[in-house]
PDB file of N, CA and C in Angstrom:
ATOM      1  N   MET A   1      73.402  49.354 101.562  1.00  0.00           N
ATOM      2  CA  MET A   1      73.244  50.696 102.089  1.00  0.00           C
ATOM      3  C   MET A   1      74.509  51.148 102.808  1.00  0.00           C
ATOM      4  N   ALA A   2      75.071  50.250 103.615  1.00  0.00           N
ATOM      5  CA  ALA A   2      76.285  50.594 104.347  1.00  0.00           C
ATOM      6  C   ALA A   2      77.450  50.813 103.388  1.00  0.00           C
ATOM      7  N   LEU A   3      77.467  50.057 102.294  1.00  0.00           N
ATOM      8  CA  LEU A   3      78.535  50.214 101.304  1.00  0.00           C
ATOM      9  C   LEU A   3      78.445  51.589 100.630  1.00  0.00           C
ATOM     10  N   ALA A   4      77.241  52.024 100.324  1.00  0.00           N
ATOM     11  CA  ALA A   4      77.057  53.338  99.704  1.00  0.00           C
ATOM     12  C   ALA A   4      77.446  54.450 100.667  1.00  0.00           C
ATOM     13  N   MET A   5      77.089  54.285 101.934  1.00  0.00           N
ATOM     14  CA  MET A   5      77.431  55.296 102.936  1.00  0.00           C
ATOM     15  C   MET A   5      78.947  55.358 103.128  1.00  0.00           C
ATOM     16  N   GLY A   6      79.600  54.208 103.138  1.00  0.00           N
ATOM     17  CA  GLY A   6      81.055  54.165 103.265  1.00  0.00           C
ATOM     18  C   GLY A   6      81.744  54.820 102.076  1.00  0.00           C
ATOM     19  N   ALA A   7      81.212  54.585 100.876  1.00  0.00           N
ATOM     20  CA  ALA A   7      81.781  55.197  99.675  1.00  0.00           C
ATOM     21  C   ALA A   7      81.599  56.714  99.713  1.00  0.00           C
ATOM     22  N   PHE A   8      80.438  57.164 100.184  1.00  0.00           N
ATOM     23  CA  PHE A   8      80.184  58.598 100.288  1.00  0.00           C
ATOM     24  C   PHE A   8      81.152  59.260 101.260  1.00  0.00           C
ATOM     25  N   VAL A   9      81.362  58.624 102.409  1.00  0.00           N
ATOM     26  CA  VAL A   9      82.284  59.171 103.410  1.00  0.00           C
ATOM     27  C   VAL A   9      83.704  59.202 102.852  1.00  0.00           C
ATOM     28  N   MET A  10      84.087  58.170 102.113  1.00  0.00           N
ATOM     29  CA  MET A  10      85.434  58.117 101.534  1.00  0.00           C
ATOM     30  C   MET A  10      85.621  59.235 100.496  1.00  0.00           C
ATOM     31  N   VAL A  11      84.630  59.444  99.643  1.00  0.00           N
ATOM     32  CA  VAL A  11      84.710  60.519  98.652  1.00  0.00           C
ATOM     33  C   VAL A  11      84.770  61.872  99.347  1.00  0.00           C
ATOM     34  N   LEU A  12      83.990  62.046 100.392  1.00  0.00           N
ATOM     35  CA  LEU A  12      84.003  63.290 101.151  1.00  0.00           C
ATOM     36  C   LEU A  12      85.371  63.538 101.776  1.00  0.00           C
ATOM     37  N   MET A  13      85.986  62.525 102.332  1.00  0.00           N
ATOM     38  CA  MET A  13      87.306  62.678 102.960  1.00  0.00           C
ATOM     39  C   MET A  13      88.375  63.010 101.916  1.00  0.00           C
ATOM     40  N   VAL A  14      88.322  62.348 100.765  1.00  0.00           N
ATOM     41  CA  VAL A  14      89.296  62.626  99.706  1.00  0.00           C
ATOM     42  C   VAL A  14      89.120  64.051  99.196  1.00  0.00           C
ATOM     43  N   THR A  15      87.884  64.494  99.042  1.00  0.00           N
ATOM     44  CA  THR A  15      87.616  65.860  98.595  1.00  0.00           C
ATOM     45  C   THR A  15      88.145  66.877  99.590  1.00  0.00           C
ATOM     46  N   MET A  16      87.917  66.641 100.867  1.00  0.00           N
ATOM     47  CA  MET A  16      88.416  67.563 101.893  1.00  0.00           C
ATOM     48  C   MET A  16      89.939  67.595 101.912  1.00  0.00           C
ATOM     49  N   ALA A  17      90.578  66.429 101.775  1.00  0.00           N
ATOM     50  CA  ALA A  17      92.040  66.378 101.761  1.00  0.00           C
ATOM     51  C   ALA A  17      92.590  67.130 100.551  1.00  0.00           C
ATOM     52  N   LEU A  18      91.967  66.955  99.408  1.00  0.00           N
ATOM     53  CA  LEU A  18      92.399  67.655  98.203  1.00  0.00           C
ATOM     54  C   LEU A  18      92.241  69.163  98.365  1.00  0.00           C
ATOM     55  N   PHE A  19      91.138  69.585  98.943  1.00  0.00           N
ATOM     56  CA  PHE A  19      90.915  71.007  99.193  1.00  0.00           C
ATOM     57  C   PHE A  19      91.990  71.576 100.115  1.00  0.00           C
ATOM     58  N   LEU A  20      92.322  70.857 101.178  1.00  0.00           N
ATOM     59  CA  LEU A  20      93.340  71.335 102.116  1.00  0.00           C
ATOM     60  C   LEU A  20      94.709  71.441 101.451  1.00  0.00           C
ATOM     61  N   VAL A  21      95.051  70.470 100.626  1.00  0.00           N
ATOM     62  CA  VAL A  21      96.340  70.504  99.933  1.00  0.00           C
ATOM     63  C   VAL A  21      96.392  71.690  98.970  1.00  0.00           C
ATOM     64  N   LEU A  22      95.323  71.907  98.217  1.00  0.00           N
ATOM     65  CA  LEU A  22      95.300  73.035  97.280  1.00  0.00           C
ATOM     66  C   LEU A  22      95.309  74.372  98.009  1.00  0.00           C
ATOM     67  N   ALA A  23      94.603  74.477  99.116  1.00  0.00           N
ATOM     68  CA  ALA A  23      94.583  75.725  99.883  1.00  0.00           C
ATOM     69  C   ALA A  23      95.961  76.016 100.469  1.00  0.00           C
ATOM     70  N   ALA A  24      96.632  74.999 100.965  1.00  0.00           N
ATOM     71  CA  ALA A  24      97.972  75.200 101.523  1.00  0.00           C
ATOM     72  C   ALA A  24      98.957  75.587 100.421  1.00  0.00           C
ATOM     73  N   GLY A  25      98.808  75.014  99.247  1.00  0.00           N
ATOM     74  CA  GLY A  25      99.689  75.346  98.132  1.00  0.00           C
ATOM     75  C   GLY A  25      99.500  76.763  97.651  1.00  0.00           C
ATOM     76  N   SER A  26      98.260  77.224  97.578  1.00  0.00           N
ATOM     77  CA  SER A  26      98.031  78.594  97.117  1.00  0.00           C
ATOM     78  C   SER A  26      98.461  79.606  98.171  1.00  0.00           C
ATOM     79  N   ALA A  27      98.357  79.257  99.447  1.00  0.00           N
ATOM     80  CA  ALA A  27      98.795  80.169 100.503  1.00  0.00           C
ATOM     81  C   ALA A  27     100.313  80.322 100.490  1.00  0.00           C
ATOM     82  N   SER A  28     101.022  79.291 100.070  1.00  0.00           N
ATOM     83  CA  SER A  28     102.482  79.383 100.051  1.00  0.00           C
ATOM     84  C   SER A  28     102.978  80.244  98.894  1.00  0.00           C
ATOM     85  N   ARG A  29     102.122  80.530  97.913  1.00  0.00           N
ATOM     86  CA  ARG A  29     102.531  81.364  96.788  1.00  0.00           C
ATOM     87  C   ARG A  29     102.254  82.833  97.015  1.00  0.00           C
ATOM     88  N   LEU A  30     101.614  83.182  98.107  1.00  0.00           N
ATOM     89  CA  LEU A  30     101.340  84.585  98.387  1.00  0.00           C
ATOM     90  C   LEU A  30     102.638  85.310  98.715  1.00  0.00           C
ATOM     91  N   PRO A  31     102.802  86.543  98.231  1.00  0.00           N
ATOM     92  CA  PRO A  31     104.032  87.265  98.541  1.00  0.00           C
ATOM     93  C   PRO A  31     104.093  87.627 100.017  1.00  0.00           C
ATOM     94  N   GLY A  32     105.240  87.431 100.586  1.00  0.00           N
ATOM     95  CA  GLY A  32     105.456  87.766 101.985  1.00  0.00           C
ATOM     96  C   GLY A  32     106.635  88.699 102.109  1.00  0.00           C
ATOM     97  N   PRO A  33     107.034  89.014 103.331  1.00  0.00           N
ATOM     98  CA  PRO A  33     108.146  89.946 103.510  1.00  0.00           C
ATOM     99  C   PRO A  33     109.469  89.415 102.968  1.00  0.00           C
ATOM    100  N   ASP A  34     109.625  88.094 102.917  1.00  0.00           N
ATOM    101  CA  ASP A  34     110.880  87.520 102.440  1.00  0.00           C
ATOM    102  C   ASP A  34     110.798  87.059 100.985  1.00  0.00           C
ATOM    103  N   ARG A  35     109.648  87.235 100.333  1.00  0.00           N
ATOM    104  CA  ARG A  35     109.489  86.819  98.944  1.00  0.00           C
ATOM    105  C   ARG A  35     109.342  88.052  98.053  1.00  0.00           C
ATOM    106  N   PRO A  36     109.935  88.017  96.873  1.00  0.00           N
ATOM    107  CA  PRO A  36     109.760  89.156  95.964  1.00  0.00           C
ATOM    108  C   PRO A  36     108.335  89.187  95.429  1.00  0.00           C
ATOM    109  N   ARG A  37     107.854  90.385  95.138  1.00  0.00           N
ATOM    110  CA  ARG A  37     106.525  90.520  94.552  1.00  0.00           C
ATOM    111  C   ARG A  37     106.586  90.103  93.092  1.00  0.00           C
ATOM    112  N   PRO A  38     105.511  89.521  92.541  1.00  0.00           N
ATOM    113  CA  PRO A  38     105.569  89.042  91.163  1.00  0.00           C
ATOM    114  C   PRO A  38     105.712  90.152  90.128  1.00  0.00           C
ATOM    115  N   PHE A  39     105.114  91.323  90.372  1.00  0.00           N
ATOM    116  CA  PHE A  39     105.185  92.431  89.431  1.00  0.00           C
ATOM    117  C   PHE A  39     105.512  93.709  90.188  1.00  0.00           C
ATOM    118  N   PRO A  40     106.741  93.863  90.667  1.00  0.00           N
ATOM    119  CA  PRO A  40     107.050  95.018  91.512  1.00  0.00           C
ATOM    120  C   PRO A  40     106.914  96.356  90.798  1.00  0.00           C
ATOM    121  N   GLU A  41     107.145  96.404  89.483  1.00  0.00           N
ATOM    122  CA  GLU A  41     107.078  97.689  88.796  1.00  0.00           C
ATOM    123  C   GLU A  41     105.659  98.247  88.766  1.00  0.00           C
ATOM    124  N   GLU A  42     104.640  97.412  88.874  1.00  0.00           N
ATOM    125  CA  GLU A  42     103.268  97.899  88.870  1.00  0.00           C
ATOM    126  C   GLU A  42     102.847  98.439  90.228  1.00  0.00           C
ATOM    127  N   HIS A  43     103.564  98.095  91.281  1.00  0.00           N
ATOM    128  CA  HIS A  43     103.143  98.464  92.622  1.00  0.00           C
ATOM    129  C   HIS A  43     104.057  99.484  93.287  1.00  0.00           C
ATOM    130  N   ASP A  44     105.149  99.836  92.645  1.00  0.00           N
ATOM    131  CA  ASP A  44     106.065 100.798  93.240  1.00  0.00           C
ATOM    132  C   ASP A  44     105.482 102.203  93.162  1.00  0.00           C
ATOM    133  N   ALA A  45     105.798 103.016  94.143  1.00  0.00           N
ATOM    134  CA  ALA A  45     105.298 104.387  94.167  1.00  0.00           C
ATOM    135  C   ALA A  45     106.116 105.298  93.248  1.00  0.00           C
ATOM    136  N   ALA A  46     107.322 104.887  92.884  1.00  0.00           N
ATOM    137  CA  ALA A  46     108.165 105.705  92.014  1.00  0.00           C
ATOM    138  C   ALA A  46     107.574 105.740  90.608  1.00  0.00           C
ATOM    139  N   PRO A  47     107.725 106.851  89.902  1.00  0.00           N
ATOM    140  CA  PRO A  47     107.185 106.943  88.543  1.00  0.00           C
ATOM    141  C   PRO A  47     107.813 105.909  87.620  1.00  0.00           C
ATOM    142  N   ARG A  48     107.002 105.344  86.735  1.00  0.00           N
ATOM    143  CA  ARG A  48     107.508 104.381  85.768  1.00  0.00           C
ATOM    144  C   ARG A  48     108.305 105.108  84.696  1.00  0.00           C
ATOM    145  N   GLN A  49     109.197 104.385  84.093  1.00  0.00           N
ATOM    146  CA  GLN A  49     110.012 104.979  83.045  1.00  0.00           C
ATOM    147  C   GLN A  49     109.111 105.346  81.870  1.00  0.00           C
ATOM    148  N   GLY A  50     109.272 106.517  81.318  1.00  0.00           N
ATOM    149  CA  GLY A  50     108.470 106.957  80.190  1.00  0.00           C
ATOM    150  C   GLY A  50     107.260 107.785  80.589  1.00  0.00           C
ATOM    151  N   LEU A  51     106.892 107.800  81.844  1.00  0.00           N
ATOM    152  CA  LEU A  51     105.772 108.618  82.304  1.00  0.00           C
ATOM    153  C   LEU A  51     106.313 109.761  83.139  1.00  0.00           C
ATOM    154  N   ASP A  52     105.763 110.918  82.925  1.00  0.00           N
ATOM    155  CA  ASP A  52     106.214 112.025  83.755  1.00  0.00           C
ATOM    156  C   ASP A  52     105.526 111.966  85.116  1.00  0.00           C
ATOM    157  N   ALA A  53     106.001 112.762  86.027  1.00  0.00           N
ATOM    158  CA  ALA A  53     105.516 112.714  87.410  1.00  0.00           C
ATOM    159  C   ALA A  53     104.044 113.096  87.511  1.00  0.00           C
ATOM    160  N   ALA A  54     103.593 114.033  86.683  1.00  0.00           N
ATOM    161  CA  ALA A  54     102.194 114.469  86.755  1.00  0.00           C
ATOM    162  C   ALA A  54     101.242 113.351  86.342  1.00  0.00           C
ATOM    163  N   GLU A  55     101.583 112.638  85.274  1.00  0.00           N
ATOM    164  CA  GLU A  55     100.719 111.546  84.835  1.00  0.00           C
ATOM    165  C   GLU A  55     100.728 110.405  85.848  1.00  0.00           C
ATOM    166  N   GLU A  56     101.877 110.145  86.423  1.00  0.00           N
ATOM    167  CA  GLU A  56     101.951 109.092  87.442  1.00  0.00           C
ATOM    168  C   GLU A  56     101.118 109.468  88.664  1.00  0.00           C
ATOM    169  N   GLU A  57     101.184 110.725  89.080  1.00  0.00           N
ATOM    170  CA  GLU A  57     100.372 111.178  90.212  1.00  0.00           C
ATOM    171  C   GLU A  57      98.888 111.059  89.888  1.00  0.00           C
ATOM    172  N   LEU A  58      98.506 111.382  88.652  1.00  0.00           N
ATOM    173  CA  LEU A  58      97.115 111.240  88.234  1.00  0.00           C
ATOM    174  C   LEU A  58      96.679 109.779  88.301  1.00  0.00           C
ATOM    175  N   ARG A  59      97.532 108.876  87.847  1.00  0.00           N
ATOM    176  CA  ARG A  59      97.209 107.446  87.914  1.00  0.00           C
ATOM    177  C   ARG A  59      97.041 106.979  89.357  1.00  0.00           C
ATOM    178  N   LEU A  60      97.912 107.439  90.236  1.00  0.00           N
ATOM    179  CA  LEU A  60      97.806 107.054  91.645  1.00  0.00           C
ATOM    180  C   LEU A  60      96.519 107.592  92.266  1.00  0.00           C
ATOM    181  N   ARG A  61      96.165 108.832  91.959  1.00  0.00           N
ATOM    182  CA  ARG A  61      94.928 109.411  92.503  1.00  0.00           C
ATOM    183  C   ARG A  61      93.703 108.671  91.981  1.00  0.00           C
ATOM    184  N   TYR A  62      93.738 108.251  90.713  1.00  0.00           N
ATOM    185  CA  TYR A  62      92.630 107.475  90.149  1.00  0.00           C
ATOM    186  C   TYR A  62      92.544 106.105  90.825  1.00  0.00           C
ATOM    187  N   ALA A  63      93.691 105.485  91.055  1.00  0.00           N
ATOM    188  CA  ALA A  63      93.710 104.176  91.714  1.00  0.00           C
ATOM    189  C   ALA A  63      93.190 104.256  93.143  1.00  0.00           C
ATOM    190  N   ARG A  64      93.458 105.366  93.821  1.00  0.00           N
ATOM    191  CA  ARG A  64      92.973 105.542  95.192  1.00  0.00           C
ATOM    192  C   ARG A  64      91.516 105.978  95.232  1.00  0.00           C
ATOM    193  N   GLY A  65      90.935 106.307  94.084  1.00  0.00           N
ATOM    194  CA  GLY A  65      89.538 106.718  94.033  1.00  0.00           C
ATOM    195  C   GLY A  65      89.322 108.192  94.299  1.00  0.00           C
ATOM    196  N   GLU A  66      90.379 108.982  94.235  1.00  0.00           N
ATOM    197  CA  GLU A  66      90.261 110.418  94.495  1.00  0.00           C
ATOM    198  C   GLU A  66      89.674 111.166  93.303  1.00  0.00           C
ATOM    199  N   VAL A  67      89.814 110.614  92.102  1.00  0.00           N
ATOM    200  CA  VAL A  67      89.201 111.203  90.911  1.00  0.00           C
ATOM    201  C   VAL A  67      88.392 110.116  90.212  1.00  0.00           C
ATOM    202  N   ASP A  68      87.291 110.514  89.578  1.00  0.00           N
ATOM    203  CA  ASP A  68      86.479 109.530  88.866  1.00  0.00           C
ATOM    204  C   ASP A  68      87.035 109.320  87.457  1.00  0.00           C
ATOM    205  N   ARG A  69      86.423 108.395  86.717  1.00  0.00           N
ATOM    206  CA  ARG A  69      86.938 108.003  85.411  1.00  0.00           C
ATOM    207  C   ARG A  69      86.934 109.170  84.423  1.00  0.00           C
ATOM    208  N   GLU A  70      85.837 109.921  84.386  1.00  0.00           N
ATOM    209  CA  GLU A  70      85.739 111.027  83.438  1.00  0.00           C
ATOM    210  C   GLU A  70      86.822 112.073  83.700  1.00  0.00           C
ATOM    211  N   GLU A  71      87.014 112.410  84.969  1.00  0.00           N
ATOM    212  CA  GLU A  71      88.035 113.399  85.317  1.00  0.00           C
ATOM    213  C   GLU A  71      89.425 112.866  84.989  1.00  0.00           C
ATOM    214  N   PHE A  72      89.651 111.579  85.243  1.00  0.00           N
ATOM    215  CA  PHE A  72      90.941 110.968  84.928  1.00  0.00           C
ATOM    216  C   PHE A  72      91.232 111.064  83.432  1.00  0.00           C
ATOM    217  N   LEU A  73      90.240 110.666  82.615  1.00  0.00           N
ATOM    218  CA  LEU A  73      90.457 110.689  81.172  1.00  0.00           C
ATOM    219  C   LEU A  73      90.690 112.101  80.652  1.00  0.00           C
ATOM    220  N   GLN A  74      89.925 113.062  81.155  1.00  0.00           N
ATOM    221  CA  GLN A  74      90.096 114.444  80.706  1.00  0.00           C
ATOM    222  C   GLN A  74      91.468 114.987  81.096  1.00  0.00           C
ATOM    223  N   ARG A  75      91.877 114.741  82.324  1.00  0.00           N
ATOM    224  CA  ARG A  75      93.193 115.236  82.760  1.00  0.00           C
ATOM    225  C   ARG A  75      94.322 114.535  82.018  1.00  0.00           C
ATOM    226  N   LYS A  76      94.136 113.256  81.714  1.00  0.00           N
ATOM    227  CA  LYS A  76      95.162 112.529  80.967  1.00  0.00           C
ATOM    228  C   LYS A  76      95.323 113.128  79.573  1.00  0.00           C
ATOM    229  N   ILE A  77      94.201 113.445  78.926  1.00  0.00           N
ATOM    230  CA  ILE A  77      94.258 114.094  77.607  1.00  0.00           C
ATOM    231  C   ILE A  77      94.953 115.446  77.717  1.00  0.00           C
ATOM    232  N   ASP A  78      94.604 116.199  78.754  1.00  0.00           N
ATOM    233  CA  ASP A  78      95.231 117.512  78.948  1.00  0.00           C
ATOM    234  C   ASP A  78      96.738 117.386  79.154  1.00  0.00           C
ATOM    235  N   LEU A  79      97.174 116.383  79.880  1.00  0.00           N
ATOM    236  CA  LEU A  79      98.607 116.207  80.142  1.00  0.00           C
ATOM    237  C   LEU A  79      99.368 115.761  78.896  1.00  0.00           C
ATOM    238  N   GLU A  80      98.701 115.047  78.004  1.00  0.00           N
ATOM    239  CA  GLU A  80      99.371 114.557  76.801  1.00  0.00           C
ATOM    240  C   GLU A  80      99.575 115.652  75.762  1.00  0.00           C
ATOM    241  N   ARG A  81      98.924 116.789  75.922  1.00  0.00           N
ATOM    242  CA  ARG A  81      99.068 117.890  74.952  1.00  0.00           C
ATOM    243  C   ARG A  81     100.357 118.620  75.135  1.00  0.00           C
TER     244      ARG A  81
END
């Protein structure tokens, strides 16, 4: 019985240590002020190349939740004409 309890405690400790190592590793990959963002072109406020300012503004308003999906799609179609 004591051997089983000791094995359980050992497995629990190894699991906790592994969790802590993985959590610390994933936290170090988060972008910070001194690290570049992984996809900066998707997060910049400036219009992307190939899109006009009106379509970019529409995308930003949709992302912020200011327009719903139906309105976004209709306005996008209107802008493409």
